[in-house]
Protein backbone atom coordinates (compact mmCIF):
# COMPACT_ATOMS: atom_id res chain seq x y z
CA MET A 1 23.74 131.14 -135.68
CA ILE A 2 25.48 129.77 -138.76
CA ARG A 3 28.12 132.48 -138.49
CA SER A 4 28.87 131.50 -134.88
CA PHE A 5 29.15 127.86 -135.90
CA LEU A 6 31.64 128.76 -138.66
CA VAL A 7 33.75 130.79 -136.23
CA VAL A 8 33.90 127.82 -133.86
CA LEU A 9 34.93 125.51 -136.72
CA VAL A 10 37.73 127.87 -137.76
CA ILE A 11 39.02 128.10 -134.18
CA LEU A 12 38.98 124.31 -133.81
CA ALA A 13 40.77 123.86 -137.13
CA MET A 14 43.50 126.30 -136.07
CA ALA A 15 43.94 124.55 -132.71
CA ALA A 16 44.23 121.03 -134.11
CA PRO A 17 47.83 121.19 -135.36
CA ALA A 18 49.12 122.48 -131.99
CA SER A 19 47.42 119.71 -130.05
CA ALA A 20 48.76 117.13 -132.50
CA ARG A 21 52.35 118.05 -131.57
CA GLY A 22 51.65 118.51 -127.86
CA PRO A 23 51.12 121.51 -125.63
CA GLY A 24 52.10 124.92 -127.02
CA TYR A 25 55.15 125.08 -124.78
CA VAL A 26 56.87 122.16 -126.55
CA GLY A 27 59.90 123.40 -128.49
CA ILE A 28 63.32 124.98 -128.14
CA TRP A 29 63.35 128.35 -126.36
CA GLY A 30 65.96 131.05 -125.81
CA VAL A 31 66.00 134.20 -123.70
CA ASP A 32 66.34 136.12 -126.98
CA LYS A 33 66.84 135.42 -130.69
CA LYS A 34 70.63 135.77 -130.37
CA THR A 35 70.65 132.95 -127.82
CA CYS A 36 68.83 130.73 -130.31
CA THR A 37 71.70 130.92 -132.81
CA GLN A 38 74.66 130.69 -130.41
CA LYS A 39 77.03 127.78 -130.78
CA GLY A 40 78.21 125.84 -127.76
CA PRO A 41 76.46 125.05 -124.46
CA PRO A 42 72.84 126.17 -124.35
CA ASP A 43 73.12 128.04 -121.03
CA GLU A 44 70.19 130.32 -121.82
CA ARG A 45 68.10 127.86 -123.85
CA LEU A 46 65.49 125.31 -122.88
CA LYS A 47 64.52 122.23 -124.82
CA VAL A 48 60.98 121.26 -123.84
CA SER A 49 59.31 118.03 -124.95
CA ILE A 50 56.06 116.49 -123.78
CA GLN A 51 57.98 114.58 -121.07
CA MET A 52 61.18 116.55 -120.36
CA ILE A 53 62.61 120.03 -119.85
CA ARG A 54 66.34 120.29 -120.48
CA GLY A 55 68.39 123.33 -119.59
CA TYR A 56 72.02 124.06 -118.87
CA GLU A 57 73.28 121.51 -116.30
CA SER A 58 69.76 120.42 -115.27
CA ALA A 59 66.87 118.35 -116.52
CA CYS A 60 63.28 117.97 -115.35
CA LYS A 61 60.81 115.16 -115.94
CA ILE A 62 57.31 116.54 -116.39
CA THR A 63 55.11 114.63 -113.94
CA ARG A 64 51.92 116.60 -114.57
CA SER A 65 50.72 119.10 -117.16
CA GLU A 66 47.20 120.48 -117.14
CA PRO A 67 45.72 123.17 -119.36
CA GLY A 68 44.44 126.27 -117.57
CA LYS A 69 41.13 128.05 -118.02
CA TRP A 70 42.51 130.29 -120.75
CA PRO A 71 44.16 129.26 -124.04
CA GLY A 72 47.93 128.95 -123.85
CA ILE A 73 48.06 128.50 -120.05
CA TYR A 74 49.41 125.27 -118.56
CA TYR A 75 50.09 124.18 -114.98
CA VAL A 76 53.29 122.11 -115.07
CA THR A 77 54.76 120.05 -112.23
CA SER A 78 58.19 118.53 -112.74
CA SER A 79 60.87 116.56 -110.88
CA CYS A 80 64.29 118.05 -111.53
CA ALA A 81 67.94 117.16 -111.03
CA GLY A 82 71.18 118.99 -111.70
CA GLU A 83 74.57 119.70 -110.18
CA GLY A 84 74.05 116.95 -107.57
CA GLN A 85 70.71 118.26 -106.32
CA LYS A 86 67.05 117.22 -106.78
CA TRP A 87 63.94 119.38 -106.49
CA THR A 88 60.30 119.66 -107.55
CA ARG A 89 58.90 122.59 -109.53
CA LYS A 90 55.33 123.82 -109.90
CA ASP A 91 55.16 126.43 -112.64
CA ILE A 92 52.70 128.17 -114.88
CA TYR A 93 53.64 128.06 -118.56
CA ALA A 94 52.00 130.77 -120.66
CA THR A 95 52.43 130.87 -124.42
CA ARG A 96 51.86 134.20 -126.15
CA GLY A 97 52.18 135.80 -129.57
CA GLY A 98 50.79 132.85 -131.48
CA GLY A 99 53.17 130.47 -129.69
CA LYS A 100 56.29 132.56 -130.38
CA ARG A 101 56.79 133.50 -126.72
CA LEU A 102 56.83 131.47 -123.53
CA VAL A 103 56.64 132.90 -120.03
CA ILE A 104 57.40 130.54 -117.14
CA ILE A 105 56.12 131.73 -113.76
CA ASP A 106 57.38 129.88 -110.68
CA LYS A 107 55.53 129.33 -107.40
CA ASP A 108 56.97 132.56 -105.98
CA GLY A 109 55.68 134.62 -108.91
CA HIS A 110 59.07 135.11 -110.62
CA ALA A 111 58.70 135.11 -114.39
CA VAL A 112 61.21 134.34 -117.14
CA SER A 113 60.34 135.11 -120.76
CA TYR A 114 61.61 133.11 -123.75
CA VAL A 115 61.32 133.35 -127.53
CA ARG A 116 60.77 130.28 -129.69
CA CYS A 117 63.94 129.14 -131.44
CA ARG A 118 62.09 126.31 -133.23
């Protein structure tokens, strides 16, 4: 009983810093580590904050973000604009590898994997 309680305390302590800075998907992401260090336009990078997702020639305002049943899963709805067009996205954001990887799965099941730049 005491051992179980200690395990729960350790898990909660480890989770606290992530929740303090927002969902695990907040950060700068690239399709690979090389992309993270490239100079110039970030065509294969995403900058994700609690409120916005910025990519190359587009930006999305996060209108809803809900955690899923499993740790590291989020259901994200966003209103986007870019290149003269507007659209709405409903995606699943899944963080993996201790928050070092992000997989974004769109409504059609297409997945794009990113590595954390910072």
